Amino acid sequence: MQLPETFDALILEANKHELYRKLIKQINKDFLYANIDLDFDDEIPPTSLKLILHETIYKLIQEKFADYLNLLYIIDVSEEKIKQLDGNDTLQLAENVAFLILVREWQKVWFRQQYS
């Protein structure tokens, strides 16, 4: 499996395989497990998804760091990839982490589709 390098590539891939709605459902499920009050509508446009996810991650980093770490654990975002990010600019960090979350959620959905 070739992982998408950009947000747009990820969305194109999800739409190509008709898995965008399943991606949203997976995100909602993992946020619910992490007790984070965020529930995306199945019809949310990709740009809104990106913006709201970015804002949510930023707020978690700033205000609820333990919840942020718990979310990363539940989603199973690679600790190595998180450590490679530059933490000097929190806004940029939140955007990068949001993308890593989307990629990991995409992997789950894609693998489930391929092997079920």
C-alpha atoms as a PDB file:
ATOM      1  CA  MET A   1       0.000   0.000   0.000  1.00  0.00           C
ATOM      2  CA  GLN A   2       1.371   3.387  -1.027  1.00  0.00           C
ATOM      3  CA  LEU A   3       0.480   5.983   1.596  1.00  0.00           C
ATOM      4  CA  PRO A   4      -0.737   9.362   0.364  1.00  0.00           C
ATOM      5  CA  GLU A   5       1.765  12.207   0.694  1.00  0.00           C
ATOM      6  CA  THR A   6      -0.779  15.041   0.863  1.00  0.00           C
ATOM      7  CA  PHE A   7      -4.276  15.662   2.114  1.00  0.00           C
ATOM      8  CA  ASP A   8      -5.583  16.034  -1.450  1.00  0.00           C
ATOM      9  CA  ALA A   9      -3.996  12.732  -2.492  1.00  0.00           C
ATOM     10  CA  LEU A  10      -5.586  11.008   0.489  1.00  0.00           C
ATOM     11  CA  ILE A  11      -9.042  12.355  -0.370  1.00  0.00           C
ATOM     12  CA  LEU A  12      -8.634  11.405  -4.038  1.00  0.00           C
ATOM     13  CA  GLU A  13      -7.661   7.883  -3.022  1.00  0.00           C
ATOM     14  CA  ALA A  14     -10.591   7.598  -0.593  1.00  0.00           C
ATOM     15  CA  ASN A  15     -13.042   8.806  -3.232  1.00  0.00           C
ATOM     16  CA  LYS A  16     -11.526   6.541  -5.891  1.00  0.00           C
ATOM     17  CA  HIS A  17     -12.154   3.504  -3.698  1.00  0.00           C
ATOM     18  CA  GLU A  18     -15.495   4.899  -2.480  1.00  0.00           C
ATOM     19  CA  LEU A  19     -14.252   4.840   1.114  1.00  0.00           C
ATOM     20  CA  TYR A  20     -14.614   8.496   2.132  1.00  0.00           C
ATOM     21  CA  ARG A  21     -17.715   7.830   4.268  1.00  0.00           C
ATOM     22  CA  LYS A  22     -16.022   4.874   5.936  1.00  0.00           C
ATOM     23  CA  LEU A  23     -13.030   7.110   6.671  1.00  0.00           C
ATOM     24  CA  ILE A  24     -15.343   9.607   8.394  1.00  0.00           C
ATOM     25  CA  LYS A  25     -16.997   6.814  10.383  1.00  0.00           C
ATOM     26  CA  GLN A  26     -13.589   5.501  11.490  1.00  0.00           C
ATOM     27  CA  ILE A  27     -12.520   8.977  12.609  1.00  0.00           C
ATOM     28  CA  ASN A  28     -15.771   9.417  14.539  1.00  0.00           C
ATOM     29  CA  LYS A  29     -15.377   6.004  16.177  1.00  0.00           C
ATOM     30  CA  ASP A  30     -11.828   6.655  17.376  1.00  0.00           C
ATOM     31  CA  PHE A  31     -12.637  10.151  18.642  1.00  0.00           C
ATOM     32  CA  LEU A  32     -15.578   8.679  20.556  1.00  0.00           C
ATOM     33  CA  TYR A  33     -13.280   6.048  22.098  1.00  0.00           C
ATOM     34  CA  ALA A  34     -10.949   8.855  23.160  1.00  0.00           C
ATOM     35  CA  ASN A  35     -13.862  10.743  24.772  1.00  0.00           C
ATOM     36  CA  ILE A  36     -13.354  13.736  22.511  1.00  0.00           C
ATOM     37  CA  ASP A  37     -16.557  15.505  21.567  1.00  0.00           C
ATOM     38  CA  LEU A  38     -16.242  15.587  17.798  1.00  0.00           C
ATOM     39  CA  ASP A  39     -18.683  13.955  15.425  1.00  0.00           C
ATOM     40  CA  PHE A  40     -18.365  14.568  11.704  1.00  0.00           C
ATOM     41  CA  ASP A  41     -21.371  14.255   9.439  1.00  0.00           C
ATOM     42  CA  ASP A  42     -20.950  11.629   6.690  1.00  0.00           C
ATOM     43  CA  GLU A  43     -21.443  14.347   4.074  1.00  0.00           C
ATOM     44  CA  ILE A  44     -18.800  16.756   5.394  1.00  0.00           C
ATOM     45  CA  PRO A  45     -16.746  18.286   2.587  1.00  0.00           C
ATOM     46  CA  PRO A  46     -13.052  17.350   2.712  1.00  0.00           C
ATOM     47  CA  THR A  47     -11.947  20.962   3.233  1.00  0.00           C
ATOM     48  CA  SER A  48     -14.194  21.286   6.277  1.00  0.00           C
ATOM     49  CA  LEU A  49     -12.951  17.962   7.602  1.00  0.00           C
ATOM     50  CA  LYS A  50      -9.367  19.157   7.337  1.00  0.00           C
ATOM     51  CA  LEU A  51     -10.100  22.519   8.975  1.00  0.00           C
ATOM     52  CA  ILE A  52     -12.137  21.157  11.893  1.00  0.00           C
ATOM     53  CA  LEU A  53      -9.686  18.334  12.549  1.00  0.00           C
ATOM     54  CA  HIS A  54      -6.789  20.809  12.514  1.00  0.00           C
ATOM     55  CA  GLU A  55      -8.583  23.155  14.936  1.00  0.00           C
ATOM     56  CA  THR A  56      -9.491  20.298  17.253  1.00  0.00           C
ATOM     57  CA  ILE A  57      -5.934  18.963  17.389  1.00  0.00           C
ATOM     58  CA  TYR A  58      -4.613  22.483  18.027  1.00  0.00           C
ATOM     59  CA  LYS A  59      -7.021  22.963  20.960  1.00  0.00           C
ATOM     60  CA  LEU A  60      -6.116  19.565  22.388  1.00  0.00           C
ATOM     61  CA  ILE A  61      -2.397  20.355  22.246  1.00  0.00           C
ATOM     62  CA  GLN A  62      -2.957  23.738  23.884  1.00  0.00           C
ATOM     63  CA  GLU A  63      -5.603  22.893  26.474  1.00  0.00           C
ATOM     64  CA  LYS A  64      -5.931  19.116  26.977  1.00  0.00           C
ATOM     65  CA  PHE A  65      -2.555  17.549  26.288  1.00  0.00           C
ATOM     66  CA  ALA A  66      -3.375  14.276  28.076  1.00  0.00           C
ATOM     67  CA  ASP A  67      -6.463  13.866  25.879  1.00  0.00           C
ATOM     68  CA  TYR A  68      -4.318  14.607  22.822  1.00  0.00           C
ATOM     69  CA  LEU A  69      -1.848  11.870  23.780  1.00  0.00           C
ATOM     70  CA  ASN A  70      -4.698   9.455  24.490  1.00  0.00           C
ATOM     71  CA  LEU A  71      -6.180  10.171  21.059  1.00  0.00           C
ATOM     72  CA  LEU A  72      -2.853   9.460  19.351  1.00  0.00           C
ATOM     73  CA  TYR A  73      -2.618   6.202  21.287  1.00  0.00           C
ATOM     74  CA  ILE A  74      -6.158   5.109  20.403  1.00  0.00           C
ATOM     75  CA  ILE A  75      -5.716   5.949  16.724  1.00  0.00           C
ATOM     76  CA  ASP A  76      -2.274   4.328  16.818  1.00  0.00           C
ATOM     77  CA  VAL A  77      -0.343   7.151  15.186  1.00  0.00           C
ATOM     78  CA  SER A  78       3.334   6.254  14.927  1.00  0.00           C
ATOM     79  CA  GLU A  79       5.311   7.687  17.821  1.00  0.00           C
ATOM     80  CA  GLU A  80       8.359   7.923  15.557  1.00  0.00           C
ATOM     81  CA  LYS A  81       6.486  10.072  13.052  1.00  0.00           C
ATOM     82  CA  ILE A  82       5.260  12.362  15.828  1.00  0.00           C
ATOM     83  CA  LYS A  83       8.808  12.732  17.174  1.00  0.00           C
ATOM     84  CA  GLN A  84      10.049  13.716  13.708  1.00  0.00           C
ATOM     85  CA  LEU A  85       7.709  16.724  13.593  1.00  0.00           C
ATOM     86  CA  ASP A  86       8.941  20.201  14.508  1.00  0.00           C
ATOM     87  CA  GLY A  87       7.172  21.272  17.693  1.00  0.00           C
ATOM     88  CA  ASN A  88       8.272  24.914  17.640  1.00  0.00           C
ATOM     89  CA  ASP A  89       5.171  26.117  15.770  1.00  0.00           C
ATOM     90  CA  THR A  90       2.105  24.626  17.459  1.00  0.00           C
ATOM     91  CA  LEU A  91      -0.221  25.597  14.618  1.00  0.00           C
ATOM     92  CA  GLN A  92       1.955  23.814  12.054  1.00  0.00           C
ATOM     93  CA  LEU A  93       2.404  20.870  14.408  1.00  0.00           C
ATOM     94  CA  ALA A  94      -1.372  20.533  14.753  1.00  0.00           C
ATOM     95  CA  GLU A  95      -1.767  20.537  10.969  1.00  0.00           C
ATOM     96  CA  ASN A  96       0.894  17.852  10.552  1.00  0.00           C
ATOM     97  CA  VAL A  97      -0.578  15.707  13.324  1.00  0.00           C
ATOM     98  CA  ALA A  98      -4.053  16.038  11.798  1.00  0.00           C
ATOM     99  CA  PHE A  99      -2.632  14.706   8.539  1.00  0.00           C
ATOM    100  CA  LEU A 100      -0.918  11.802  10.330  1.00  0.00           C
ATOM    101  CA  ILE A 101      -4.238  10.975  11.983  1.00  0.00           C
ATOM    102  CA  LEU A 102      -6.008  11.001   8.629  1.00  0.00           C
ATOM    103  CA  VAL A 103      -3.351   8.768   7.082  1.00  0.00           C
ATOM    104  CA  ARG A 104      -3.574   6.260   9.930  1.00  0.00           C
ATOM    105  CA  GLU A 105      -7.358   6.225   9.781  1.00  0.00           C
ATOM    106  CA  TRP A 106      -7.124   5.755   6.005  1.00  0.00           C
ATOM    107  CA  GLN A 107      -4.844   2.742   6.539  1.00  0.00           C
ATOM    108  CA  LYS A 108      -7.388   1.137   8.862  1.00  0.00           C
ATOM    109  CA  VAL A 109     -10.247   1.675   6.411  1.00  0.00           C
ATOM    110  CA  TRP A 110      -8.228   0.536   3.399  1.00  0.00           C
ATOM    111  CA  PHE A 111      -6.951  -2.638   5.080  1.00  0.00           C
ATOM    112  CA  ARG A 112     -10.419  -3.493   6.348  1.00  0.00           C
ATOM    113  CA  GLN A 113     -11.787  -3.097   2.814  1.00  0.00           C
ATOM    114  CA  GLN A 114      -9.014  -5.199   1.258  1.00  0.00           C
ATOM    115  CA  TYR A 115      -9.036  -8.074   3.719  1.00  0.00           C
ATOM    116  CA  SER A 116     -12.641  -8.494   4.762  1.00  0.00           C
END
